Amino acid sequence: MAGILRAVVAVLASYLIGSIPTAYLVGKLIGKIDIREIGSGNVGATNILRTFGVKPGVTVLFIDALKGVIPVLIISTLLWNSSVPFPLTTLKVFCFLGALCGHLWPVFLRFKGGKGVATSAGGLLALHPPAFLVSGAVFFVTVAFTRYISLGSVLAAVTLPVCLLIMHAPAMIIFIGILAAILVIVRHRANISRLLRGDEKKLGEKVSVHER
């Protein structure tokens, strides 16, 4: 019973970390605006990048990635012991899922969050660095050639479970990889529609603070 309680606390703590609305806070601190009312309305690094520039965008990206790293590497390790009824790797996966759910459905923003790319990348980096490197390479190459961040994100998400399968990752990590990929792709469905229509914004295109 004590082990199950420790696992529950770890996942809840991971969810709260994932729920920290980085882009929303940066928008309020820098521009005194609600980023949900600007550009795409997404609470994520890309919308901050287009609205405020590179430094704020990279800051949000880095912190959102840490929201995936910290639960996997720190929270799970601190709370796992032999009384927990499953291996440490399984608890890491649950903590990753908790953090990702927190980012997608943050309690601090009435459960309306971002698209999960940076937090998924951070969790993947902590769980399986080789797959992270390949998926990250797909993202950067795609963005470099097309300048579509959304396309890079979707293709990286598609690549992730394939990499995990090829690299014979543990079953639980493959499971969370597939689930994370599905969630990221679903959250990008509006971007996919705009890509198909040809009116998706490219990297470097800024938005007005009055645009929505």
N, C-alpha and C. Protein backbone atom coordinates (compact mmCIF):
# COMPACT_ATOMS: atom_id res chain seq x y z
N MET A 1 0.83 -1.21 0.00
CA MET A 1 0.00 0.00 0.00
C MET A 1 0.87 1.26 0.00
N ALA A 2 1.94 1.25 0.78
CA ALA A 2 2.83 2.40 0.84
C ALA A 2 3.49 2.65 -0.50
N GLY A 3 3.83 1.53 -1.19
CA GLY A 3 4.47 1.66 -2.50
C GLY A 3 3.53 2.27 -3.53
N ILE A 4 2.27 1.87 -3.50
CA ILE A 4 1.28 2.43 -4.43
C ILE A 4 1.10 3.91 -4.15
N LEU A 5 1.06 4.28 -2.87
CA LEU A 5 0.92 5.69 -2.50
C LEU A 5 2.09 6.51 -3.02
N ARG A 6 3.28 5.97 -2.91
CA ARG A 6 4.47 6.68 -3.43
C ARG A 6 4.36 6.89 -4.94
N ALA A 7 3.87 5.87 -5.63
CA ALA A 7 3.72 5.98 -7.08
C ALA A 7 2.67 7.03 -7.44
N VAL A 8 1.58 7.04 -6.71
CA VAL A 8 0.51 8.03 -6.96
C VAL A 8 1.03 9.44 -6.72
N VAL A 9 1.77 9.63 -5.64
CA VAL A 9 2.33 10.95 -5.34
C VAL A 9 3.29 11.38 -6.45
N ALA A 10 4.09 10.45 -6.93
CA ALA A 10 5.05 10.76 -8.00
C ALA A 10 4.33 11.22 -9.26
N VAL A 11 3.27 10.52 -9.63
CA VAL A 11 2.53 10.88 -10.85
C VAL A 11 1.80 12.21 -10.67
N LEU A 12 1.21 12.42 -9.50
CA LEU A 12 0.52 13.70 -9.25
C LEU A 12 1.51 14.86 -9.26
N ALA A 13 2.67 14.66 -8.65
CA ALA A 13 3.70 15.71 -8.66
C ALA A 13 4.14 16.00 -10.09
N SER A 14 4.28 14.96 -10.89
CA SER A 14 4.66 15.13 -12.29
C SER A 14 3.59 15.89 -13.05
N TYR A 15 2.34 15.58 -12.77
CA TYR A 15 1.23 16.30 -13.42
C TYR A 15 1.27 17.79 -13.09
N LEU A 16 1.52 18.11 -11.82
CA LEU A 16 1.56 19.52 -11.41
C LEU A 16 2.73 20.25 -12.06
N ILE A 17 3.87 19.56 -12.19
CA ILE A 17 5.01 20.16 -12.88
C ILE A 17 4.66 20.41 -14.34
N GLY A 18 4.03 19.41 -14.97
CA GLY A 18 3.62 19.58 -16.36
C GLY A 18 2.59 20.67 -16.55
N SER A 19 1.82 20.94 -15.52
CA SER A 19 0.76 21.94 -15.60
C SER A 19 1.26 23.38 -15.54
N ILE A 20 2.52 23.58 -15.17
CA ILE A 20 3.04 24.95 -15.10
C ILE A 20 2.91 25.59 -16.48
N PRO A 21 2.11 26.65 -16.61
CA PRO A 21 1.82 27.24 -17.93
C PRO A 21 2.91 28.22 -18.37
N THR A 22 4.03 27.69 -18.80
CA THR A 22 5.21 28.52 -19.10
C THR A 22 4.91 29.64 -20.08
N ALA A 23 4.31 29.30 -21.22
CA ALA A 23 4.03 30.31 -22.25
C ALA A 23 3.07 31.38 -21.74
N TYR A 24 2.09 30.96 -20.98
CA TYR A 24 1.13 31.92 -20.42
C TYR A 24 1.83 32.89 -19.48
N LEU A 25 2.70 32.36 -18.62
CA LEU A 25 3.42 33.21 -17.66
C LEU A 25 4.37 34.16 -18.37
N VAL A 26 5.08 33.66 -19.40
CA VAL A 26 6.00 34.52 -20.15
C VAL A 26 5.23 35.63 -20.86
N GLY A 27 4.09 35.30 -21.45
CA GLY A 27 3.26 36.32 -22.10
C GLY A 27 2.83 37.40 -21.14
N LYS A 28 2.46 37.01 -19.93
CA LYS A 28 2.05 37.98 -18.91
C LYS A 28 3.22 38.82 -18.43
N LEU A 29 4.38 38.19 -18.26
CA LEU A 29 5.55 38.90 -17.74
C LEU A 29 6.13 39.87 -18.76
N ILE A 30 6.20 39.45 -20.03
CA ILE A 30 6.85 40.27 -21.05
C ILE A 30 5.91 41.30 -21.66
N GLY A 31 4.75 40.84 -22.06
CA GLY A 31 3.86 41.75 -22.79
C GLY A 31 2.58 42.11 -22.09
N LYS A 32 2.40 41.60 -20.86
CA LYS A 32 1.16 41.85 -20.13
C LYS A 32 -0.06 41.41 -20.94
N ILE A 33 0.10 40.31 -21.69
CA ILE A 33 -1.00 39.82 -22.51
C ILE A 33 -1.25 38.35 -22.22
N ASP A 34 -2.42 37.89 -22.63
CA ASP A 34 -2.77 36.48 -22.53
C ASP A 34 -2.44 35.83 -23.86
N ILE A 35 -1.42 34.97 -23.88
CA ILE A 35 -0.97 34.36 -25.13
C ILE A 35 -2.07 33.55 -25.79
N ARG A 36 -3.09 33.16 -25.04
CA ARG A 36 -4.20 32.41 -25.61
C ARG A 36 -5.06 33.27 -26.52
N GLU A 37 -4.87 34.59 -26.46
CA GLU A 37 -5.65 35.50 -27.29
C GLU A 37 -4.83 36.04 -28.46
N ILE A 38 -3.63 35.47 -28.66
CA ILE A 38 -2.72 35.96 -29.69
C ILE A 38 -2.43 34.86 -30.70
N GLY A 39 -2.28 35.23 -31.97
CA GLY A 39 -1.84 34.29 -32.99
C GLY A 39 -2.68 33.03 -33.04
N SER A 40 -2.04 31.88 -32.87
CA SER A 40 -2.74 30.60 -32.92
C SER A 40 -3.55 30.34 -31.65
N GLY A 41 -3.26 31.09 -30.61
CA GLY A 41 -3.93 30.87 -29.33
C GLY A 41 -3.33 29.73 -28.53
N ASN A 42 -2.29 29.10 -29.07
CA ASN A 42 -1.68 27.96 -28.39
C ASN A 42 -0.77 28.42 -27.26
N VAL A 43 -0.82 27.70 -26.16
CA VAL A 43 0.03 28.01 -25.00
C VAL A 43 1.33 27.24 -25.14
N GLY A 44 2.17 27.68 -26.09
CA GLY A 44 3.40 26.96 -26.35
C GLY A 44 4.50 27.85 -26.87
N ALA A 45 5.66 27.24 -27.08
CA ALA A 45 6.86 28.00 -27.46
C ALA A 45 6.73 28.66 -28.83
N THR A 46 6.08 27.98 -29.79
CA THR A 46 5.99 28.54 -31.14
C THR A 46 5.20 29.84 -31.15
N ASN A 47 4.10 29.88 -30.42
CA ASN A 47 3.30 31.11 -30.37
C ASN A 47 4.05 32.24 -29.68
N ILE A 48 4.82 31.90 -28.66
CA ILE A 48 5.66 32.91 -27.99
C ILE A 48 6.75 33.39 -28.94
N LEU A 49 7.36 32.47 -29.68
CA LEU A 49 8.40 32.81 -30.65
C LEU A 49 7.88 33.81 -31.68
N ARG A 50 6.72 33.54 -32.22
CA ARG A 50 6.16 34.41 -33.26
C ARG A 50 5.71 35.76 -32.70
N THR A 51 5.35 35.78 -31.43
CA THR A 51 4.83 37.01 -30.84
C THR A 51 5.93 37.88 -30.26
N PHE A 52 6.88 37.27 -29.55
CA PHE A 52 7.88 38.04 -28.81
C PHE A 52 9.32 37.88 -29.32
N GLY A 53 9.57 36.88 -30.15
CA GLY A 53 10.92 36.71 -30.68
C GLY A 53 11.63 35.47 -30.16
N VAL A 54 12.91 35.36 -30.54
CA VAL A 54 13.67 34.13 -30.32
C VAL A 54 13.93 33.84 -28.85
N LYS A 55 14.44 34.81 -28.10
CA LYS A 55 14.82 34.53 -26.71
C LYS A 55 13.65 34.05 -25.86
N PRO A 56 12.51 34.76 -25.86
CA PRO A 56 11.37 34.24 -25.09
C PRO A 56 10.90 32.88 -25.59
N GLY A 57 10.92 32.68 -26.93
CA GLY A 57 10.50 31.41 -27.49
C GLY A 57 11.38 30.26 -27.05
N VAL A 58 12.69 30.48 -27.09
CA VAL A 58 13.64 29.43 -26.67
C VAL A 58 13.51 29.18 -25.17
N THR A 59 13.28 30.22 -24.40
CA THR A 59 13.11 30.07 -22.95
C THR A 59 11.92 29.17 -22.64
N VAL A 60 10.80 29.42 -23.30
CA VAL A 60 9.61 28.59 -23.09
C VAL A 60 9.88 27.16 -23.54
N LEU A 61 10.54 27.00 -24.67
CA LEU A 61 10.87 25.67 -25.17
C LEU A 61 11.71 24.89 -24.16
N PHE A 62 12.72 25.55 -23.61
CA PHE A 62 13.62 24.90 -22.66
C PHE A 62 12.88 24.50 -21.37
N ILE A 63 12.08 25.41 -20.85
CA ILE A 63 11.38 25.11 -19.60
C ILE A 63 10.33 24.02 -19.82
N ASP A 64 9.61 24.08 -20.95
CA ASP A 64 8.62 23.05 -21.23
C ASP A 64 9.28 21.68 -21.40
N ALA A 65 10.49 21.66 -21.97
CA ALA A 65 11.22 20.39 -22.08
C ALA A 65 11.62 19.88 -20.69
N LEU A 66 12.04 20.78 -19.82
CA LEU A 66 12.38 20.39 -18.45
C LEU A 66 11.18 19.78 -17.73
N LYS A 67 9.98 20.21 -18.10
CA LYS A 67 8.77 19.65 -17.50
C LYS A 67 8.64 18.16 -17.81
N GLY A 68 9.31 17.70 -18.87
CA GLY A 68 9.34 16.28 -19.17
C GLY A 68 10.53 15.59 -18.54
N VAL A 69 11.66 16.29 -18.46
CA VAL A 69 12.89 15.70 -17.92
C VAL A 69 12.80 15.49 -16.41
N ILE A 70 12.39 16.52 -15.69
CA ILE A 70 12.41 16.48 -14.21
C ILE A 70 11.56 15.34 -13.65
N PRO A 71 10.33 15.14 -14.09
CA PRO A 71 9.55 14.03 -13.55
C PRO A 71 10.20 12.67 -13.80
N VAL A 72 10.78 12.48 -15.00
CA VAL A 72 11.36 11.18 -15.35
C VAL A 72 12.65 10.91 -14.58
N LEU A 73 13.53 11.91 -14.50
CA LEU A 73 14.84 11.69 -13.90
C LEU A 73 14.87 11.92 -12.40
N ILE A 74 14.06 12.85 -11.91
CA ILE A 74 14.16 13.23 -10.50
C ILE A 74 12.99 12.74 -9.67
N ILE A 75 11.77 13.11 -10.06
CA ILE A 75 10.60 12.75 -9.25
C ILE A 75 10.48 11.24 -9.09
N SER A 76 10.58 10.51 -10.20
CA SER A 76 10.43 9.05 -10.14
C SER A 76 11.52 8.41 -9.29
N THR A 77 12.75 8.90 -9.44
CA THR A 77 13.87 8.32 -8.70
C THR A 77 13.76 8.59 -7.20
N LEU A 78 13.32 9.79 -6.86
CA LEU A 78 13.19 10.15 -5.45
C LEU A 78 12.11 9.33 -4.74
N LEU A 79 11.03 9.01 -5.46
CA LEU A 79 9.89 8.36 -4.82
C LEU A 79 9.83 6.85 -5.02
N TRP A 80 10.68 6.33 -5.90
CA TRP A 80 10.65 4.88 -6.09
C TRP A 80 11.50 4.18 -5.03
N ASN A 81 11.00 3.07 -4.54
CA ASN A 81 11.80 2.15 -3.72
C ASN A 81 11.24 0.75 -3.90
N SER A 82 11.76 -0.20 -3.19
CA SER A 82 11.39 -1.60 -3.40
C SER A 82 9.93 -1.88 -3.04
N SER A 83 9.27 -0.95 -2.33
CA SER A 83 7.87 -1.18 -1.98
C SER A 83 6.93 -0.85 -3.13
N VAL A 84 7.42 -0.10 -4.12
CA VAL A 84 6.59 0.21 -5.30
C VAL A 84 6.43 -1.08 -6.11
N PRO A 85 5.19 -1.45 -6.45
CA PRO A 85 4.93 -2.78 -7.04
C PRO A 85 5.26 -2.90 -8.53
N PHE A 86 6.17 -2.09 -9.04
CA PHE A 86 6.62 -2.24 -10.43
C PHE A 86 7.99 -1.59 -10.56
N PRO A 87 8.71 -1.89 -11.64
CA PRO A 87 10.09 -1.41 -11.80
C PRO A 87 10.18 0.12 -11.92
N LEU A 88 11.38 0.63 -11.70
CA LEU A 88 11.61 2.07 -11.79
C LEU A 88 11.29 2.59 -13.20
N THR A 89 11.61 1.82 -14.22
CA THR A 89 11.31 2.26 -15.59
C THR A 89 9.82 2.50 -15.79
N THR A 90 9.01 1.64 -15.21
CA THR A 90 7.56 1.80 -15.32
C THR A 90 7.11 3.08 -14.62
N LEU A 91 7.67 3.36 -13.45
CA LEU A 91 7.31 4.58 -12.74
C LEU A 91 7.76 5.80 -13.55
N LYS A 92 8.92 5.72 -14.19
CA LYS A 92 9.38 6.82 -15.04
C LYS A 92 8.39 7.09 -16.17
N VAL A 93 7.88 6.01 -16.76
CA VAL A 93 6.90 6.16 -17.84
C VAL A 93 5.62 6.81 -17.32
N PHE A 94 5.16 6.38 -16.15
CA PHE A 94 3.96 6.97 -15.57
C PHE A 94 4.17 8.45 -15.25
N CYS A 95 5.36 8.78 -14.76
CA CYS A 95 5.66 10.18 -14.45
C CYS A 95 5.72 11.01 -15.74
N PHE A 96 6.28 10.45 -16.79
CA PHE A 96 6.29 11.12 -18.09
C PHE A 96 4.86 11.38 -18.56
N LEU A 97 4.01 10.36 -18.44
CA LEU A 97 2.61 10.51 -18.84
C LEU A 97 1.91 11.57 -18.00
N GLY A 98 2.21 11.59 -16.69
CA GLY A 98 1.62 12.60 -15.82
C GLY A 98 2.03 14.00 -16.24
N ALA A 99 3.32 14.19 -16.54
CA ALA A 99 3.81 15.50 -16.96
C ALA A 99 3.20 15.92 -18.29
N LEU A 100 3.10 14.98 -19.24
CA LEU A 100 2.52 15.29 -20.54
C LEU A 100 1.05 15.67 -20.41
N CYS A 101 0.32 14.92 -19.60
CA CYS A 101 -1.09 15.25 -19.37
C CYS A 101 -1.23 16.62 -18.70
N GLY A 102 -0.29 16.93 -17.81
CA GLY A 102 -0.31 18.24 -17.17
C GLY A 102 -0.12 19.36 -18.18
N HIS A 103 0.78 19.16 -19.14
CA HIS A 103 1.01 20.19 -20.16
C HIS A 103 -0.20 20.32 -21.09
N LEU A 104 -0.77 19.18 -21.48
CA LEU A 104 -1.92 19.22 -22.39
C LEU A 104 -3.18 19.70 -21.71
N TRP A 105 -3.37 19.30 -20.47
CA TRP A 105 -4.58 19.66 -19.73
C TRP A 105 -4.20 20.21 -18.35
N PRO A 106 -3.62 21.43 -18.31
CA PRO A 106 -3.12 21.99 -17.05
C PRO A 106 -4.24 22.45 -16.12
N VAL A 107 -4.13 22.07 -14.89
CA VAL A 107 -5.14 22.46 -13.90
C VAL A 107 -5.16 23.97 -13.71
N PHE A 108 -4.03 24.65 -13.96
CA PHE A 108 -3.95 26.09 -13.73
C PHE A 108 -4.59 26.91 -14.85
N LEU A 109 -4.89 26.28 -16.00
CA LEU A 109 -5.52 26.99 -17.12
C LEU A 109 -6.83 26.31 -17.52
N ARG A 110 -7.53 25.79 -16.54
CA ARG A 110 -8.82 25.14 -16.77
C ARG A 110 -8.71 24.02 -17.80
N PHE A 111 -7.60 23.30 -17.73
CA PHE A 111 -7.38 22.08 -18.52
C PHE A 111 -7.27 22.33 -20.03
N LYS A 112 -6.84 23.54 -20.42
CA LYS A 112 -6.63 23.85 -21.83
C LYS A 112 -5.18 24.29 -22.01
N GLY A 113 -4.33 23.35 -22.45
CA GLY A 113 -2.90 23.62 -22.52
C GLY A 113 -2.33 23.60 -23.91
N GLY A 114 -1.03 23.27 -23.99
CA GLY A 114 -0.30 23.31 -25.25
C GLY A 114 -0.43 22.02 -26.04
N LYS A 115 0.52 21.83 -26.97
CA LYS A 115 0.44 20.69 -27.89
C LYS A 115 1.38 19.55 -27.51
N GLY A 116 2.21 19.76 -26.51
CA GLY A 116 2.97 18.65 -25.94
C GLY A 116 4.30 18.32 -26.59
N VAL A 117 4.74 19.10 -27.57
CA VAL A 117 5.96 18.74 -28.30
C VAL A 117 7.19 18.83 -27.40
N ALA A 118 7.40 19.98 -26.77
CA ALA A 118 8.60 20.18 -25.96
C ALA A 118 8.62 19.25 -24.75
N THR A 119 7.48 19.09 -24.08
CA THR A 119 7.42 18.22 -22.90
C THR A 119 7.63 16.77 -23.31
N SER A 120 7.08 16.37 -24.46
CA SER A 120 7.32 15.01 -24.96
C SER A 120 8.80 14.81 -25.29
N ALA A 121 9.41 15.84 -25.89
CA ALA A 121 10.83 15.74 -26.24
C ALA A 121 11.68 15.59 -24.99
N GLY A 122 11.36 16.37 -23.95
CA GLY A 122 12.11 16.27 -22.71
C GLY A 122 11.97 14.91 -22.05
N GLY A 123 10.74 14.41 -22.02
CA GLY A 123 10.52 13.08 -21.43
C GLY A 123 11.22 11.99 -22.22
N LEU A 124 11.19 12.11 -23.55
CA LEU A 124 11.85 11.13 -24.40
C LEU A 124 13.36 11.17 -24.22
N LEU A 125 13.90 12.38 -24.12
CA LEU A 125 15.34 12.52 -23.88
C LEU A 125 15.75 11.78 -22.61
N ALA A 126 14.94 11.90 -21.58
CA ALA A 126 15.25 11.25 -20.31
C ALA A 126 15.04 9.74 -20.36
N LEU A 127 14.06 9.29 -21.16
CA LEU A 127 13.74 7.86 -21.21
C LEU A 127 14.59 7.10 -22.22
N HIS A 128 14.82 7.69 -23.39
CA HIS A 128 15.50 6.95 -24.45
C HIS A 128 16.25 7.94 -25.36
N PRO A 129 17.44 8.37 -24.97
CA PRO A 129 18.20 9.38 -25.73
C PRO A 129 18.40 9.05 -27.21
N PRO A 130 18.72 7.79 -27.60
CA PRO A 130 18.92 7.53 -29.03
C PRO A 130 17.70 7.85 -29.89
N ALA A 131 16.52 7.45 -29.43
CA ALA A 131 15.29 7.75 -30.17
C ALA A 131 15.04 9.25 -30.20
N PHE A 132 15.38 9.93 -29.11
CA PHE A 132 15.25 11.39 -29.07
C PHE A 132 16.12 12.03 -30.14
N LEU A 133 17.34 11.55 -30.29
CA LEU A 133 18.27 12.13 -31.25
C LEU A 133 17.76 11.98 -32.68
N VAL A 134 17.22 10.80 -33.00
CA VAL A 134 16.72 10.58 -34.35
C VAL A 134 15.48 11.43 -34.61
N SER A 135 14.54 11.42 -33.67
CA SER A 135 13.32 12.22 -33.84
C SER A 135 13.65 13.71 -33.89
N GLY A 136 14.60 14.12 -33.05
CA GLY A 136 15.02 15.52 -33.06
C GLY A 136 15.65 15.91 -34.38
N ALA A 137 16.44 15.00 -34.96
CA ALA A 137 17.06 15.27 -36.25
C ALA A 137 15.99 15.43 -37.33
N VAL A 138 14.97 14.58 -37.29
CA VAL A 138 13.86 14.69 -38.25
C VAL A 138 13.18 16.05 -38.11
N PHE A 139 12.96 16.47 -36.87
CA PHE A 139 12.34 17.78 -36.63
C PHE A 139 13.17 18.91 -37.23
N PHE A 140 14.45 18.94 -36.89
CA PHE A 140 15.30 20.06 -37.32
C PHE A 140 15.52 20.08 -38.83
N VAL A 141 15.69 18.92 -39.43
CA VAL A 141 15.86 18.87 -40.89
C VAL A 141 14.59 19.34 -41.59
N THR A 142 13.44 18.89 -41.10
CA THR A 142 12.17 19.29 -41.70
C THR A 142 11.97 20.79 -41.60
N VAL A 143 12.22 21.34 -40.42
CA VAL A 143 12.04 22.79 -40.22
C VAL A 143 13.04 23.57 -41.05
N ALA A 144 14.27 23.07 -41.15
CA ALA A 144 15.30 23.77 -41.93
C ALA A 144 14.93 23.87 -43.40
N PHE A 145 14.32 22.81 -43.93
CA PHE A 145 14.01 22.78 -45.37
C PHE A 145 12.65 23.40 -45.69
N THR A 146 11.69 23.29 -44.75
CA THR A 146 10.34 23.76 -45.06
C THR A 146 9.94 25.01 -44.28
N ARG A 147 10.61 25.24 -43.13
CA ARG A 147 10.30 26.34 -42.22
C ARG A 147 8.92 26.19 -41.56
N TYR A 148 8.40 24.98 -41.59
CA TYR A 148 7.14 24.70 -40.89
C TYR A 148 7.44 23.96 -39.60
N ILE A 149 7.28 24.63 -38.46
CA ILE A 149 7.52 23.98 -37.18
C ILE A 149 6.50 22.87 -36.94
N SER A 150 5.27 23.11 -37.32
CA SER A 150 4.21 22.12 -37.11
C SER A 150 4.49 20.85 -37.90
N LEU A 151 4.95 20.97 -39.13
CA LEU A 151 5.27 19.79 -39.94
C LEU A 151 6.42 19.02 -39.32
N GLY A 152 7.44 19.75 -38.84
CA GLY A 152 8.55 19.09 -38.17
C GLY A 152 8.09 18.34 -36.93
N SER A 153 7.17 18.94 -36.18
CA SER A 153 6.66 18.30 -34.96
C SER A 153 5.89 17.03 -35.28
N VAL A 154 5.05 17.08 -36.30
CA VAL A 154 4.24 15.91 -36.67
C VAL A 154 5.13 14.78 -37.20
N LEU A 155 6.09 15.11 -38.06
CA LEU A 155 6.97 14.08 -38.60
C LEU A 155 7.86 13.47 -37.51
N ALA A 156 8.31 14.31 -36.58
CA ALA A 156 9.10 13.79 -35.46
C ALA A 156 8.26 12.85 -34.61
N ALA A 157 6.99 13.21 -34.40
CA ALA A 157 6.08 12.35 -33.63
C ALA A 157 5.87 11.01 -34.32
N VAL A 158 5.73 11.02 -35.63
CA VAL A 158 5.56 9.78 -36.39
C VAL A 158 6.83 8.92 -36.31
N THR A 159 7.98 9.58 -36.34
CA THR A 159 9.26 8.88 -36.30
C THR A 159 9.51 8.20 -34.96
N LEU A 160 9.05 8.82 -33.88
CA LEU A 160 9.37 8.36 -32.53
C LEU A 160 9.05 6.89 -32.28
N PRO A 161 7.79 6.44 -32.43
CA PRO A 161 7.52 5.03 -32.13
C PRO A 161 8.24 4.06 -33.06
N VAL A 162 8.46 4.49 -34.30
CA VAL A 162 9.20 3.65 -35.24
C VAL A 162 10.62 3.43 -34.72
N CYS A 163 11.25 4.51 -34.27
CA CYS A 163 12.61 4.40 -33.71
C CYS A 163 12.65 3.49 -32.50
N LEU A 164 11.69 3.66 -31.62
CA LEU A 164 11.65 2.86 -30.40
C LEU A 164 11.50 1.37 -30.72
N LEU A 165 10.68 1.07 -31.72
CA LEU A 165 10.50 -0.33 -32.13
C LEU A 165 11.78 -0.89 -32.75
N ILE A 166 12.39 -0.12 -33.64
CA ILE A 166 13.62 -0.58 -34.31
C ILE A 166 14.75 -0.78 -33.30
N MET A 167 14.79 0.12 -32.29
CA MET A 167 15.86 0.07 -31.31
C MET A 167 15.56 -0.90 -30.16
N HIS A 168 14.43 -1.61 -30.26
CA HIS A 168 14.06 -2.61 -29.25
C HIS A 168 14.00 -2.01 -27.84
N ALA A 169 13.34 -0.87 -27.74
CA ALA A 169 13.15 -0.24 -26.43
C ALA A 169 12.24 -1.11 -25.57
N PRO A 170 12.31 -0.96 -24.25
CA PRO A 170 11.39 -1.70 -23.38
C PRO A 170 9.93 -1.43 -23.75
N ALA A 171 9.09 -2.41 -23.52
CA ALA A 171 7.69 -2.32 -23.94
C ALA A 171 6.98 -1.09 -23.38
N MET A 172 7.25 -0.75 -22.13
CA MET A 172 6.58 0.41 -21.53
C MET A 172 7.00 1.71 -22.20
N ILE A 173 8.25 1.79 -22.62
CA ILE A 173 8.73 3.00 -23.30
C ILE A 173 8.13 3.09 -24.71
N ILE A 174 8.00 1.94 -25.38
CA ILE A 174 7.34 1.92 -26.69
C ILE A 174 5.89 2.38 -26.53
N PHE A 175 5.23 1.89 -25.48
CA PHE A 175 3.83 2.27 -25.22
C PHE A 175 3.70 3.78 -25.06
N ILE A 176 4.53 4.38 -24.21
CA ILE A 176 4.41 5.82 -23.98
C ILE A 176 4.82 6.60 -25.22
N GLY A 177 5.76 6.04 -26.00
CA GLY A 177 6.16 6.70 -27.24
C GLY A 177 5.01 6.76 -28.24
N ILE A 178 4.30 5.65 -28.38
CA ILE A 178 3.14 5.62 -29.28
C ILE A 178 2.05 6.57 -28.79
N LEU A 179 1.78 6.53 -27.49
CA LEU A 179 0.74 7.39 -26.93
C LEU A 179 1.09 8.87 -27.08
N ALA A 180 2.34 9.22 -26.78
CA ALA A 180 2.78 10.61 -26.92
C ALA A 180 2.68 11.07 -28.37
N ALA A 181 3.07 10.20 -29.29
CA ALA A 181 2.99 10.55 -30.72
C ALA A 181 1.55 10.81 -31.13
N ILE A 182 0.64 9.96 -30.70
CA ILE A 182 -0.78 10.13 -31.04
C ILE A 182 -1.31 11.45 -30.49
N LEU A 183 -0.98 11.74 -29.23
CA LEU A 183 -1.46 12.97 -28.61
C LEU A 183 -0.92 14.21 -29.32
N VAL A 184 0.36 14.19 -29.66
CA VAL A 184 0.96 15.33 -30.36
C VAL A 184 0.31 15.53 -31.72
N ILE A 185 0.11 14.45 -32.46
CA ILE A 185 -0.50 14.56 -33.78
C ILE A 185 -1.94 15.06 -33.69
N VAL A 186 -2.69 14.53 -32.74
CA VAL A 186 -4.08 14.98 -32.56
C VAL A 186 -4.13 16.46 -32.22
N ARG A 187 -3.21 16.92 -31.37
CA ARG A 187 -3.20 18.33 -30.98
C ARG A 187 -2.78 19.23 -32.15
N HIS A 188 -2.20 18.64 -33.18
CA HIS A 188 -1.78 19.42 -34.35
C HIS A 188 -2.78 19.30 -35.51
N ARG A 189 -3.97 18.81 -35.25
CA ARG A 189 -4.91 18.59 -36.35
C ARG A 189 -5.27 19.89 -37.07
N ALA A 190 -5.37 21.01 -36.33
CA ALA A 190 -5.65 22.29 -37.00
C ALA A 190 -4.47 22.71 -37.87
N ASN A 191 -3.24 22.48 -37.36
CA ASN A 191 -2.05 22.80 -38.16
C ASN A 191 -2.00 21.95 -39.43
N ILE A 192 -2.36 20.68 -39.29
CA ILE A 192 -2.36 19.79 -40.46
C ILE A 192 -3.34 20.30 -41.50
N SER A 193 -4.51 20.75 -41.05
CA SER A 193 -5.50 21.30 -41.99
C SER A 193 -4.95 22.53 -42.70
N ARG A 194 -4.26 23.40 -41.93
CA ARG A 194 -3.70 24.61 -42.55
C ARG A 194 -2.56 24.26 -43.51
N LEU A 195 -1.77 23.25 -43.17
CA LEU A 195 -0.71 22.81 -44.08
C LEU A 195 -1.30 22.31 -45.40
N LEU A 196 -2.38 21.58 -45.32
CA LEU A 196 -3.03 21.06 -46.53
C LEU A 196 -3.63 22.19 -47.36
N ARG A 197 -4.10 23.24 -46.67
CA ARG A 197 -4.67 24.39 -47.39
C ARG A 197 -3.60 25.34 -47.90
N GLY A 198 -2.38 25.22 -47.32
CA GLY A 198 -1.30 26.09 -47.74
C GLY A 198 -1.25 27.43 -47.03
N ASP A 199 -1.93 27.56 -45.88
CA ASP A 199 -1.92 28.84 -45.18
C ASP A 199 -1.34 28.73 -43.76
N GLU A 200 -0.55 27.69 -43.51
CA GLU A 200 0.14 27.57 -42.22
C GLU A 200 1.30 28.56 -42.19
N LYS A 201 1.48 29.22 -41.05
CA LYS A 201 2.58 30.19 -40.93
C LYS A 201 3.92 29.47 -40.85
N LYS A 202 4.93 30.07 -41.45
CA LYS A 202 6.26 29.51 -41.44
C LYS A 202 7.11 30.13 -40.33
N LEU A 203 8.22 29.49 -40.02
CA LEU A 203 9.15 30.00 -39.04
C LEU A 203 9.65 31.38 -39.48
N GLY A 204 9.60 32.32 -38.57
CA GLY A 204 10.05 33.68 -38.88
C GLY A 204 8.92 34.64 -39.12
N GLU A 205 7.73 34.12 -39.38
CA GLU A 205 6.56 34.99 -39.55
C GLU A 205 6.03 35.37 -38.18
N LYS A 206 6.00 36.66 -37.91
CA LYS A 206 5.53 37.15 -36.64
C LYS A 206 4.03 37.40 -36.69
N VAL A 207 3.42 37.48 -35.52
CA VAL A 207 1.99 37.79 -35.45
C VAL A 207 1.81 39.10 -34.71
N SER A 208 0.74 39.77 -35.00
CA SER A 208 0.41 40.99 -34.28
C SER A 208 -0.20 40.61 -32.94
N VAL A 209 -0.03 41.47 -31.97
CA VAL A 209 -0.62 41.19 -30.65
C VAL A 209 -2.13 41.28 -30.70
N HIS A 210 -2.66 41.75 -31.81
CA HIS A 210 -4.11 41.84 -31.96
C HIS A 210 -4.67 40.70 -32.83
N GLU A 211 -3.77 39.87 -33.36
CA GLU A 211 -4.20 38.81 -34.27
C GLU A 211 -4.67 37.59 -33.48
N ARG A 212 -5.68 36.93 -33.99
CA ARG A 212 -6.17 35.68 -33.36
C ARG A 212 -6.79 34.79 -34.41
